[in-house]
Amino acid sequence: MAAAFNIETLNFGELTPDDLAAWIALRAGNPALESPYHHPDYHACVDRHQGGGRVTVARENGTAVALLPWQGGAFARPSGAPLSDYQTVVSSADTDINIATLLKG
């Protein structure tokens, strides 16, 4: 059975230090996420220079377990588009959540 997540979307600047620490830990623990495009520093730079940085966060017991960074308003696009045209969920390899669930959240 899939876990029930509390899902919210925040402006990039609204992420807490705990959210950012969880992001870095999730990325470090999942070799599929070693690209710099999956590091919060990349998304901070995009938000600072292009604006519109958002992050959809799935939480379990108040802790971020999956994050989907994106950019936009009415229409979501990969953070840093058009330079970056790829987006993925930042989570541990065994977290049972997918991008569709986060987008619906």
PDB file of N, CA and C in Angstrom:
ATOM      1  N   MET A   1       0.836  -1.186   0.000  1.00  0.00           N
ATOM      2  CA  MET A   1       0.000   0.000   0.000  1.00  0.00           C
ATOM      3  C   MET A   1       0.878   1.246   0.000  1.00  0.00           C
ATOM      4  N   ALA A   2       0.557   2.177  -0.848  1.00  0.00           N
ATOM      5  CA  ALA A   2       1.322   3.420  -0.936  1.00  0.00           C
ATOM      6  C   ALA A   2       1.077   4.273   0.302  1.00  0.00           C
ATOM      7  N   ALA A   3       2.119   4.962   0.715  1.00  0.00           N
ATOM      8  CA  ALA A   3       2.015   5.843   1.872  1.00  0.00           C
ATOM      9  C   ALA A   3       1.169   7.059   1.529  1.00  0.00           C
ATOM     10  N   ALA A   4       0.520   7.607   2.549  1.00  0.00           N
ATOM     11  CA  ALA A   4      -0.225   8.850   2.375  1.00  0.00           C
ATOM     12  C   ALA A   4       0.738  10.000   2.651  1.00  0.00           C
ATOM     13  N   PHE A   5       0.827  10.918   1.722  1.00  0.00           N
ATOM     14  CA  PHE A   5       1.739  12.043   1.849  1.00  0.00           C
ATOM     15  C   PHE A   5       0.955  13.326   2.034  1.00  0.00           C
ATOM     16  N   ASN A   6       1.524  14.253   2.776  1.00  0.00           N
ATOM     17  CA  ASN A   6       1.018  15.613   2.839  1.00  0.00           C
ATOM     18  C   ASN A   6       1.785  16.373   1.760  1.00  0.00           C
ATOM     19  N   ILE A   7       1.094  16.887   0.757  1.00  0.00           N
ATOM     20  CA  ILE A   7       1.740  17.528  -0.381  1.00  0.00           C
ATOM     21  C   ILE A   7       1.387  19.006  -0.410  1.00  0.00           C
ATOM     22  N   GLU A   8       2.424  19.835  -0.573  1.00  0.00           N
ATOM     23  CA  GLU A   8       2.217  21.278  -0.692  1.00  0.00           C
ATOM     24  C   GLU A   8       3.209  21.844  -1.700  1.00  0.00           C
ATOM     25  N   THR A   9       2.819  22.949  -2.313  1.00  0.00           N
ATOM     26  CA  THR A   9       3.706  23.646  -3.238  1.00  0.00           C
ATOM     27  C   THR A   9       4.103  24.971  -2.619  1.00  0.00           C
ATOM     28  N   LEU A  10       5.401  25.228  -2.622  1.00  0.00           N
ATOM     29  CA  LEU A  10       5.960  26.435  -2.027  1.00  0.00           C
ATOM     30  C   LEU A  10       6.756  27.208  -3.068  1.00  0.00           C
ATOM     31  N   ASN A  11       6.871  28.511  -2.888  1.00  0.00           N
ATOM     32  CA  ASN A  11       7.856  29.273  -3.631  1.00  0.00           C
ATOM     33  C   ASN A  11       9.224  28.798  -3.149  1.00  0.00           C
ATOM     34  N   PHE A  12      10.215  28.806  -4.028  1.00  0.00           N
ATOM     35  CA  PHE A  12      11.517  28.279  -3.640  1.00  0.00           C
ATOM     36  C   PHE A  12      12.020  28.911  -2.339  1.00  0.00           C
ATOM     37  N   GLY A  13      11.878  30.214  -2.192  1.00  0.00           N
ATOM     38  CA  GLY A  13      12.364  30.925  -1.013  1.00  0.00           C
ATOM     39  C   GLY A  13      11.652  30.564   0.279  1.00  0.00           C
ATOM     40  N   GLU A  14      10.538  29.865   0.193  1.00  0.00           N
ATOM     41  CA  GLU A  14       9.799  29.452   1.391  1.00  0.00           C
ATOM     42  C   GLU A  14      10.279  28.120   1.968  1.00  0.00           C
ATOM     43  N   LEU A  15      11.182  27.447   1.272  1.00  0.00           N
ATOM     44  CA  LEU A  15      11.718  26.197   1.816  1.00  0.00           C
ATOM     45  C   LEU A  15      12.477  26.497   3.102  1.00  0.00           C
ATOM     46  N   THR A  16      12.309  25.634   4.085  1.00  0.00           N
ATOM     47  CA  THR A  16      12.993  25.820   5.358  1.00  0.00           C
ATOM     48  C   THR A  16      14.400  25.212   5.289  1.00  0.00           C
ATOM     49  N   PRO A  17      15.251  25.567   6.224  1.00  0.00           N
ATOM     50  CA  PRO A  17      16.558  24.900   6.288  1.00  0.00           C
ATOM     51  C   PRO A  17      16.420  23.377   6.402  1.00  0.00           C
ATOM     52  N   ASP A  18      15.397  22.895   7.113  1.00  0.00           N
ATOM     53  CA  ASP A  18      15.170  21.450   7.207  1.00  0.00           C
ATOM     54  C   ASP A  18      14.785  20.853   5.857  1.00  0.00           C
ATOM     55  N   ASP A  19      13.975  21.591   5.074  1.00  0.00           N
ATOM     56  CA  ASP A  19      13.614  21.129   3.727  1.00  0.00           C
ATOM     57  C   ASP A  19      14.860  21.001   2.855  1.00  0.00           C
ATOM     58  N   LEU A  20      15.716  22.014   2.907  1.00  0.00           N
ATOM     59  CA  LEU A  20      16.924  22.001   2.090  1.00  0.00           C
ATOM     60  C   LEU A  20      17.876  20.891   2.531  1.00  0.00           C
ATOM     61  N   ALA A  21      17.975  20.667   3.831  1.00  0.00           N
ATOM     62  CA  ALA A  21      18.825  19.580   4.341  1.00  0.00           C
ATOM     63  C   ALA A  21      18.280  18.224   3.904  1.00  0.00           C
ATOM     64  N   ALA A  22      16.959  18.066   3.938  1.00  0.00           N
ATOM     65  CA  ALA A  22      16.347  16.810   3.481  1.00  0.00           C
ATOM     66  C   ALA A  22      16.607  16.616   1.995  1.00  0.00           C
ATOM     67  N   TRP A  23      16.489  17.676   1.209  1.00  0.00           N
ATOM     68  CA  TRP A  23      16.739  17.626  -0.233  1.00  0.00           C
ATOM     69  C   TRP A  23      18.162  17.127  -0.496  1.00  0.00           C
ATOM     70  N   ILE A  24      19.130  17.729   0.187  1.00  0.00           N
ATOM     71  CA  ILE A  24      20.531  17.351  -0.009  1.00  0.00           C
ATOM     72  C   ILE A  24      20.759  15.896   0.412  1.00  0.00           C
ATOM     73  N   ALA A  25      20.156  15.479   1.509  1.00  0.00           N
ATOM     74  CA  ALA A  25      20.318  14.098   1.977  1.00  0.00           C
ATOM     75  C   ALA A  25      19.671  13.101   1.018  1.00  0.00           C
ATOM     76  N   LEU A  26      18.481  13.422   0.515  1.00  0.00           N
ATOM     77  CA  LEU A  26      17.811  12.535  -0.438  1.00  0.00           C
ATOM     78  C   LEU A  26      18.646  12.388  -1.707  1.00  0.00           C
ATOM     79  N   ARG A  27      19.151  13.489  -2.187  1.00  0.00           N
ATOM     80  CA  ARG A  27      19.981  13.476  -3.395  1.00  0.00           C
ATOM     81  C   ARG A  27      21.249  12.662  -3.172  1.00  0.00           C
ATOM     82  N   ALA A  28      21.894  12.858  -2.031  1.00  0.00           N
ATOM     83  CA  ALA A  28      23.144  12.147  -1.735  1.00  0.00           C
ATOM     84  C   ALA A  28      22.919  10.639  -1.619  1.00  0.00           C
ATOM     85  N   GLY A  29      21.725  10.251  -1.189  1.00  0.00           N
ATOM     86  CA  GLY A  29      21.430   8.835  -1.011  1.00  0.00           C
ATOM     87  C   GLY A  29      20.901   8.132  -2.243  1.00  0.00           C
ATOM     88  N   ASN A  30      20.736   8.852  -3.342  1.00  0.00           N
ATOM     89  CA  ASN A  30      20.173   8.262  -4.560  1.00  0.00           C
ATOM     90  C   ASN A  30      21.112   8.573  -5.729  1.00  0.00           C
ATOM     91  N   PRO A  31      21.932   7.591  -6.138  1.00  0.00           N
ATOM     92  CA  PRO A  31      22.908   7.827  -7.209  1.00  0.00           C
ATOM     93  C   PRO A  31      22.286   8.330  -8.522  1.00  0.00           C
ATOM     94  N   ALA A  32      21.028   8.070  -8.757  1.00  0.00           N
ATOM     95  CA  ALA A  32      20.373   8.530  -9.985  1.00  0.00           C
ATOM     96  C   ALA A  32      20.222  10.052 -10.010  1.00  0.00           C
ATOM     97  N   LEU A  33      20.466  10.704  -8.875  1.00  0.00           N
ATOM     98  CA  LEU A  33      20.253  12.152  -8.768  1.00  0.00           C
ATOM     99  C   LEU A  33      21.551  12.946  -8.678  1.00  0.00           C
ATOM    100  N   GLU A  34      22.667  12.377  -9.125  1.00  0.00           N
ATOM    101  CA  GLU A  34      23.940  13.065  -8.937  1.00  0.00           C
ATOM    102  C   GLU A  34      24.140  14.265  -9.860  1.00  0.00           C
ATOM    103  N   SER A  35      23.301  14.446 -10.855  1.00  0.00           N
ATOM    104  CA  SER A  35      23.418  15.608 -11.740  1.00  0.00           C
ATOM    105  C   SER A  35      23.279  16.898 -10.934  1.00  0.00           C
ATOM    106  N   PRO A  36      24.052  17.932 -11.275  1.00  0.00           N
ATOM    107  CA  PRO A  36      23.897  19.222 -10.588  1.00  0.00           C
ATOM    108  C   PRO A  36      22.504  19.837 -10.776  1.00  0.00           C
ATOM    109  N   TYR A  37      21.777  19.407 -11.798  1.00  0.00           N
ATOM    110  CA  TYR A  37      20.415  19.908 -12.004  1.00  0.00           C
ATOM    111  C   TYR A  37      19.461  19.470 -10.898  1.00  0.00           C
ATOM    112  N   HIS A  38      19.875  18.525 -10.078  1.00  0.00           N
ATOM    113  CA  HIS A  38      19.020  18.038  -8.995  1.00  0.00           C
ATOM    114  C   HIS A  38      19.431  18.589  -7.635  1.00  0.00           C
ATOM    115  N   HIS A  39      20.367  19.514  -7.604  1.00  0.00           N
ATOM    116  CA  HIS A  39      20.833  20.097  -6.338  1.00  0.00           C
ATOM    117  C   HIS A  39      20.048  21.383  -6.071  1.00  0.00           C
ATOM    118  N   PRO A  40      19.710  21.656  -4.810  1.00  0.00           N
ATOM    119  CA  PRO A  40      18.957  22.881  -4.525  1.00  0.00           C
ATOM    120  C   PRO A  40      19.705  24.161  -4.899  1.00  0.00           C
ATOM    121  N   ASP A  41      21.023  24.140  -4.920  1.00  0.00           N
ATOM    122  CA  ASP A  41      21.770  25.348  -5.311  1.00  0.00           C
ATOM    123  C   ASP A  41      21.461  25.750  -6.753  1.00  0.00           C
ATOM    124  N   TYR A  42      21.296  24.756  -7.628  1.00  0.00           N
ATOM    125  CA  TYR A  42      20.936  25.049  -9.018  1.00  0.00           C
ATOM    126  C   TYR A  42      19.586  25.763  -9.062  1.00  0.00           C
ATOM    127  N   HIS A  43      18.625  25.241  -8.321  1.00  0.00           N
ATOM    128  CA  HIS A  43      17.276  25.810  -8.345  1.00  0.00           C
ATOM    129  C   HIS A  43      17.228  27.174  -7.660  1.00  0.00           C
ATOM    130  N   ALA A  44      18.074  27.385  -6.662  1.00  0.00           N
ATOM    131  CA  ALA A  44      18.174  28.709  -6.036  1.00  0.00           C
ATOM    132  C   ALA A  44      18.690  29.733  -7.051  1.00  0.00           C
ATOM    133  N   CYS A  45      19.672  29.326  -7.847  1.00  0.00           N
ATOM    134  CA  CYS A  45      20.226  30.209  -8.881  1.00  0.00           C
ATOM    135  C   CYS A  45      19.168  30.532  -9.940  1.00  0.00           C
ATOM    136  N   VAL A  46      18.433  29.524 -10.368  1.00  0.00           N
ATOM    137  CA  VAL A  46      17.360  29.737 -11.353  1.00  0.00           C
ATOM    138  C   VAL A  46      16.333  30.712 -10.792  1.00  0.00           C
ATOM    139  N   ASP A  47      15.927  30.498  -9.550  1.00  0.00           N
ATOM    140  CA  ASP A  47      14.921  31.370  -8.947  1.00  0.00           C
ATOM    141  C   ASP A  47      15.444  32.799  -8.828  1.00  0.00           C
ATOM    142  N   ARG A  48      16.690  32.936  -8.453  1.00  0.00           N
ATOM    143  CA  ARG A  48      17.287  34.264  -8.293  1.00  0.00           C
ATOM    144  C   ARG A  48      17.362  35.012  -9.624  1.00  0.00           C
ATOM    145  N   HIS A  49      17.668  34.308 -10.713  1.00  0.00           N
ATOM    146  CA  HIS A  49      17.897  34.972 -12.001  1.00  0.00           C
ATOM    147  C   HIS A  49      16.696  34.975 -12.942  1.00  0.00           C
ATOM    148  N   GLN A  50      15.834  33.960 -12.847  1.00  0.00           N
ATOM    149  CA  GLN A  50      14.664  33.904 -13.730  1.00  0.00           C
ATOM    150  C   GLN A  50      13.360  34.121 -12.983  1.00  0.00           C
ATOM    151  N   GLY A  51      13.346  33.854 -11.693  1.00  0.00           N
ATOM    152  CA  GLY A  51      12.134  33.976 -10.888  1.00  0.00           C
ATOM    153  C   GLY A  51      11.186  32.813 -11.120  1.00  0.00           C
ATOM    154  N   GLY A  52      10.149  32.766 -10.330  1.00  0.00           N
ATOM    155  CA  GLY A  52       9.102  31.765 -10.501  1.00  0.00           C
ATOM    156  C   GLY A  52       9.459  30.371 -10.029  1.00  0.00           C
ATOM    157  N   GLY A  53      10.504  30.244  -9.188  1.00  0.00           N
ATOM    158  CA  GLY A  53      10.880  28.923  -8.689  1.00  0.00           C
ATOM    159  C   GLY A  53       9.856  28.385  -7.701  1.00  0.00           C
ATOM    160  N   ARG A  54       9.396  27.184  -7.934  1.00  0.00           N
ATOM    161  CA  ARG A  54       8.440  26.507  -7.062  1.00  0.00           C
ATOM    162  C   ARG A  54       8.995  25.129  -6.727  1.00  0.00           C
ATOM    163  N   VAL A  55       8.549  24.598  -5.607  1.00  0.00           N
ATOM    164  CA  VAL A  55       8.905  23.234  -5.237  1.00  0.00           C
ATOM    165  C   VAL A  55       7.670  22.591  -4.635  1.00  0.00           C
ATOM    166  N   THR A  56       7.264  21.474  -5.202  1.00  0.00           N
ATOM    167  CA  THR A  56       6.185  20.691  -4.616  1.00  0.00           C
ATOM    168  C   THR A  56       6.844  19.669  -3.711  1.00  0.00           C
ATOM    169  N   VAL A  57       6.420  19.661  -2.446  1.00  0.00           N
ATOM    170  CA  VAL A  57       7.063  18.856  -1.416  1.00  0.00           C
ATOM    171  C   VAL A  57       6.063  17.842  -0.870  1.00  0.00           C
ATOM    172  N   ALA A  58       6.481  16.581  -0.825  1.00  0.00           N
ATOM    173  CA  ALA A  58       5.699  15.535  -0.163  1.00  0.00           C
ATOM    174  C   ALA A  58       6.339  15.286   1.198  1.00  0.00           C
ATOM    175  N   ARG A  59       5.521  15.290   2.231  1.00  0.00           N
ATOM    176  CA  ARG A  59       6.027  15.087   3.589  1.00  0.00           C
ATOM    177  C   ARG A  59       5.386  13.857   4.229  1.00  0.00           C
ATOM    178  N   GLU A  60       6.181  13.197   5.028  1.00  0.00           N
ATOM    179  CA  GLU A  60       5.703  12.140   5.916  1.00  0.00           C
ATOM    180  C   GLU A  60       6.114  12.548   7.317  1.00  0.00           C
ATOM    181  N   ASN A  61       5.144  12.605   8.218  1.00  0.00           N
ATOM    182  CA  ASN A  61       5.426  12.999   9.602  1.00  0.00           C
ATOM    183  C   ASN A  61       6.204  14.312   9.678  1.00  0.00           C
ATOM    184  N   GLY A  62       5.867  15.258   8.791  1.00  0.00           N
ATOM    185  CA  GLY A  62       6.477  16.581   8.798  1.00  0.00           C
ATOM    186  C   GLY A  62       7.825  16.701   8.107  1.00  0.00           C
ATOM    187  N   THR A  63       8.381  15.582   7.648  1.00  0.00           N
ATOM    188  CA  THR A  63       9.697  15.591   6.997  1.00  0.00           C
ATOM    189  C   THR A  63       9.543  15.448   5.493  1.00  0.00           C
ATOM    190  N   ALA A  64      10.275  16.265   4.752  1.00  0.00           N
ATOM    191  CA  ALA A  64      10.257  16.172   3.285  1.00  0.00           C
ATOM    192  C   ALA A  64      10.861  14.842   2.858  1.00  0.00           C
ATOM    193  N   VAL A  65      10.079  14.059   2.078  1.00  0.00           N
ATOM    194  CA  VAL A  65      10.555  12.767   1.580  1.00  0.00           C
ATOM    195  C   VAL A  65      10.632  12.748   0.056  1.00  0.00           C
ATOM    196  N   ALA A  66      10.057  13.755  -0.591  1.00  0.00           N
ATOM    197  CA  ALA A  66      10.123  13.873  -2.050  1.00  0.00           C
ATOM    198  C   ALA A  66       9.890  15.337  -2.411  1.00  0.00           C
ATOM    199  N   LEU A  67      10.663  15.809  -3.386  1.00  0.00           N
ATOM    200  CA  LEU A  67      10.556  17.191  -3.831  1.00  0.00           C
ATOM    201  C   LEU A  67      10.565  17.228  -5.343  1.00  0.00           C
ATOM    202  N   LEU A  68       9.733  18.091  -5.901  1.00  0.00           N
ATOM    203  CA  LEU A  68       9.690  18.296  -7.344  1.00  0.00           C
ATOM    204  C   LEU A  68       9.879  19.788  -7.610  1.00  0.00           C
ATOM    205  N   PRO A  69      11.101  20.196  -7.963  1.00  0.00           N
ATOM    206  CA  PRO A  69      11.310  21.606  -8.298  1.00  0.00           C
ATOM    207  C   PRO A  69      10.816  21.889  -9.712  1.00  0.00           C
ATOM    208  N   TRP A  70      10.198  23.053  -9.889  1.00  0.00           N
ATOM    209  CA  TRP A  70       9.695  23.447 -11.199  1.00  0.00           C
ATOM    210  C   TRP A  70       9.619  24.959 -11.240  1.00  0.00           C
ATOM    211  N   GLN A  71       9.221  25.483 -12.362  1.00  0.00           N
ATOM    212  CA  GLN A  71       9.183  26.920 -12.558  1.00  0.00           C
ATOM    213  C   GLN A  71       7.907  27.275 -13.294  1.00  0.00           C
ATOM    214  N   GLY A  72       7.345  28.408 -12.957  1.00  0.00           N
ATOM    215  CA  GLY A  72       6.179  28.876 -13.687  1.00  0.00           C
ATOM    216  C   GLY A  72       5.066  29.329 -12.780  1.00  0.00           C
ATOM    217  N   GLY A  73       3.932  29.511 -13.384  1.00  0.00           N
ATOM    218  CA  GLY A  73       2.737  29.939 -12.674  1.00  0.00           C
ATOM    219  C   GLY A  73       1.592  29.036 -13.077  1.00  0.00           C
ATOM    220  N   ALA A  74       0.806  29.492 -14.058  1.00  0.00           N
ATOM    221  CA  ALA A  74      -0.326  28.691 -14.530  1.00  0.00           C
ATOM    222  C   ALA A  74       0.139  27.420 -15.231  1.00  0.00           C
ATOM    223  N   PHE A  75       1.333  27.476 -15.831  1.00  0.00           N
ATOM    224  CA  PHE A  75       1.876  26.316 -16.531  1.00  0.00           C
ATOM    225  C   PHE A  75       3.230  25.964 -15.929  1.00  0.00           C
ATOM    226  N   ALA A  76       3.383  24.733 -15.524  1.00  0.00           N
ATOM    227  CA  ALA A  76       4.650  24.269 -14.957  1.00  0.00           C
ATOM    228  C   ALA A  76       5.607  23.892 -16.074  1.00  0.00           C
ATOM    229  N   ARG A  77       6.880  24.204 -15.843  1.00  0.00           N
ATOM    230  CA  ARG A  77       7.923  23.779 -16.771  1.00  0.00           C
ATOM    231  C   ARG A  77       9.150  23.423 -15.936  1.00  0.00           C
ATOM    232  N   PRO A  78      10.073  22.687 -16.511  1.00  0.00           N
ATOM    233  CA  PRO A  78      11.278  22.334 -15.745  1.00  0.00           C
ATOM    234  C   PRO A  78      12.004  23.591 -15.273  1.00  0.00           C
ATOM    235  N   SER A  79      12.513  23.540 -14.080  1.00  0.00           N
ATOM    236  CA  SER A  79      13.268  24.654 -13.531  1.00  0.00           C
ATOM    237  C   SER A  79      14.487  24.921 -14.405  1.00  0.00           C
ATOM    238  N   GLY A  80      14.621  26.156 -14.858  1.00  0.00           N
ATOM    239  CA  GLY A  80      15.749  26.531 -15.706  1.00  0.00           C
ATOM    240  C   GLY A  80      15.492  26.376 -17.183  1.00  0.00           C
ATOM    241  N   ALA A  81      14.253  26.051 -17.561  1.00  0.00           N
ATOM    242  CA  ALA A  81      13.927  25.926 -18.987  1.00  0.00           C
ATOM    243  C   ALA A  81      14.223  27.260 -19.663  1.00  0.00           C
ATOM    244  N   PRO A  82      14.691  27.264 -20.851  1.00  0.00           N
ATOM    245  CA  PRO A  82      14.888  26.146 -21.760  1.00  0.00           C
ATOM    246  C   PRO A  82      16.246  25.451 -21.630  1.00  0.00           C
ATOM    247  N   LEU A  83      17.153  25.971 -20.783  1.00  0.00           N
ATOM    248  CA  LEU A  83      18.443  25.303 -20.608  1.00  0.00           C
ATOM    249  C   LEU A  83      18.246  23.869 -20.136  1.00  0.00           C
ATOM    250  N   SER A  84      17.419  23.703 -19.144  1.00  0.00           N
ATOM    251  CA  SER A  84      17.133  22.375 -18.607  1.00  0.00           C
ATOM    252  C   SER A  84      15.742  21.970 -19.074  1.00  0.00           C
ATOM    253  N   ASP A  85      15.654  20.859 -19.762  1.00  0.00           N
ATOM    254  CA  ASP A  85      14.345  20.396 -20.222  1.00  0.00           C
ATOM    255  C   ASP A  85      13.978  19.060 -19.592  1.00  0.00           C
ATOM    256  N   TYR A  86      14.626  18.733 -18.484  1.00  0.00           N
ATOM    257  CA  TYR A  86      14.389  17.458 -17.812  1.00  0.00           C
ATOM    258  C   TYR A  86      14.077  17.727 -16.357  1.00  0.00           C
ATOM    259  N   GLN A  87      13.111  17.035 -15.834  1.00  0.00           N
ATOM    260  CA  GLN A  87      12.739  17.194 -14.441  1.00  0.00           C
ATOM    261  C   GLN A  87      12.461  15.830 -13.849  1.00  0.00           C
ATOM    262  N   THR A  88      12.753  15.672 -12.579  1.00  0.00           N
ATOM    263  CA  THR A  88      12.471  14.421 -11.897  1.00  0.00           C
ATOM    264  C   THR A  88      12.164  14.695 -10.438  1.00  0.00           C
ATOM    265  N   VAL A  89      11.640  13.693  -9.781  1.00  0.00           N
ATOM    266  CA  VAL A  89      11.346  13.768  -8.358  1.00  0.00           C
ATOM    267  C   VAL A  89      12.635  13.486  -7.594  1.00  0.00           C
ATOM    268  N   VAL A  90      12.951  14.347  -6.643  1.00  0.00           N
ATOM    269  CA  VAL A  90      14.094  14.127  -5.761  1.00  0.00           C
ATOM    270  C   VAL A  90      13.568  13.370  -4.553  1.00  0.00           C
ATOM    271  N   SER A  91      13.970  12.114  -4.439  1.00  0.00           N
ATOM    272  CA  SER A  91      13.515  11.265  -3.328  1.00  0.00           C
ATOM    273  C   SER A  91      14.498  10.124  -3.170  1.00  0.00           C
ATOM    274  N   SER A  92      14.313   9.355  -2.122  1.00  0.00           N
ATOM    275  CA  SER A  92      15.125   8.154  -1.984  1.00  0.00           C
ATOM    276  C   SER A  92      14.644   7.152  -3.024  1.00  0.00           C
ATOM    277  N   ALA A  93      15.489   6.213  -3.344  1.00  0.00           N
ATOM    278  CA  ALA A  93      15.150   5.224  -4.375  1.00  0.00           C
ATOM    279  C   ALA A  93      13.947   4.376  -3.989  1.00  0.00           C
ATOM    280  N   ASP A  94      13.657   4.271  -2.697  1.00  0.00           N
ATOM    281  CA  ASP A  94      12.554   3.409  -2.268  1.00  0.00           C
ATOM    282  C   ASP A  94      11.282   4.166  -1.875  1.00  0.00           C
ATOM    283  N   THR A  95      11.245   5.481  -2.102  1.00  0.00           N
ATOM    284  CA  THR A  95      10.026   6.246  -1.814  1.00  0.00           C
ATOM    285  C   THR A  95       8.991   5.950  -2.890  1.00  0.00           C
ATOM    286  N   ASP A  96       7.799   5.595  -2.465  1.00  0.00           N
ATOM    287  CA  ASP A  96       6.726   5.202  -3.373  1.00  0.00           C
ATOM    288  C   ASP A  96       5.874   6.411  -3.734  1.00  0.00           C
ATOM    289  N   ILE A  97       6.420   7.268  -4.593  1.00  0.00           N
ATOM    290  CA  ILE A  97       5.679   8.439  -5.084  1.00  0.00           C
ATOM    291  C   ILE A  97       6.170   8.713  -6.502  1.00  0.00           C
ATOM    292  N   ASN A  98       5.294   9.246  -7.313  1.00  0.00           N
ATOM    293  CA  ASN A  98       5.697   9.534  -8.691  1.00  0.00           C
ATOM    294  C   ASN A  98       5.355  10.986  -9.029  1.00  0.00           C
ATOM    295  N   ILE A  99       5.811  11.413 -10.175  1.00  0.00           N
ATOM    296  CA  ILE A  99       5.648  12.805 -10.576  1.00  0.00           C
ATOM    297  C   ILE A  99       4.170  13.174 -10.747  1.00  0.00           C
ATOM    298  N   ALA A 100       3.351  12.248 -11.224  1.00  0.00           N
ATOM    299  CA  ALA A 100       1.918  12.537 -11.405  1.00  0.00           C
ATOM    300  C   ALA A 100       1.254  12.839 -10.071  1.00  0.00           C
ATOM    301  N   THR A 101       1.605  12.092  -9.035  1.00  0.00           N
ATOM    302  CA  THR A 101       1.049  12.338  -7.705  1.00  0.00           C
ATOM    303  C   THR A 101       1.430  13.715  -7.203  1.00  0.00           C
ATOM    304  N   LEU A 102       2.693  14.087  -7.409  1.00  0.00           N
ATOM    305  CA  LEU A 102       3.135  15.408  -6.965  1.00  0.00           C
ATOM    306  C   LEU A 102       2.461  16.514  -7.758  1.00  0.00           C
ATOM    307  N   LEU A 103       2.306  16.342  -9.051  1.00  0.00           N
ATOM    308  CA  LEU A 103       1.653  17.388  -9.856  1.00  0.00           C
ATOM    309  C   LEU A 103       0.188  17.551  -9.463  1.00  0.00           C
ATOM    310  N   LYS A 104      -0.473  16.462  -9.125  1.00  0.00           N
ATOM    311  CA  LYS A 104      -1.869  16.563  -8.674  1.00  0.00           C
ATOM    312  C   LYS A 104      -1.946  17.264  -7.327  1.00  0.00           C
ATOM    313  N   GLY A 105      -0.906  17.097  -6.494  1.00  0.00           N
ATOM    314  CA  GLY A 105      -0.876  17.708  -5.159  1.00  0.00           C
ATOM    315  C   GLY A 105      -0.767  19.195  -5.238  1.00  0.00           C
TER     316      GLY A 105
END
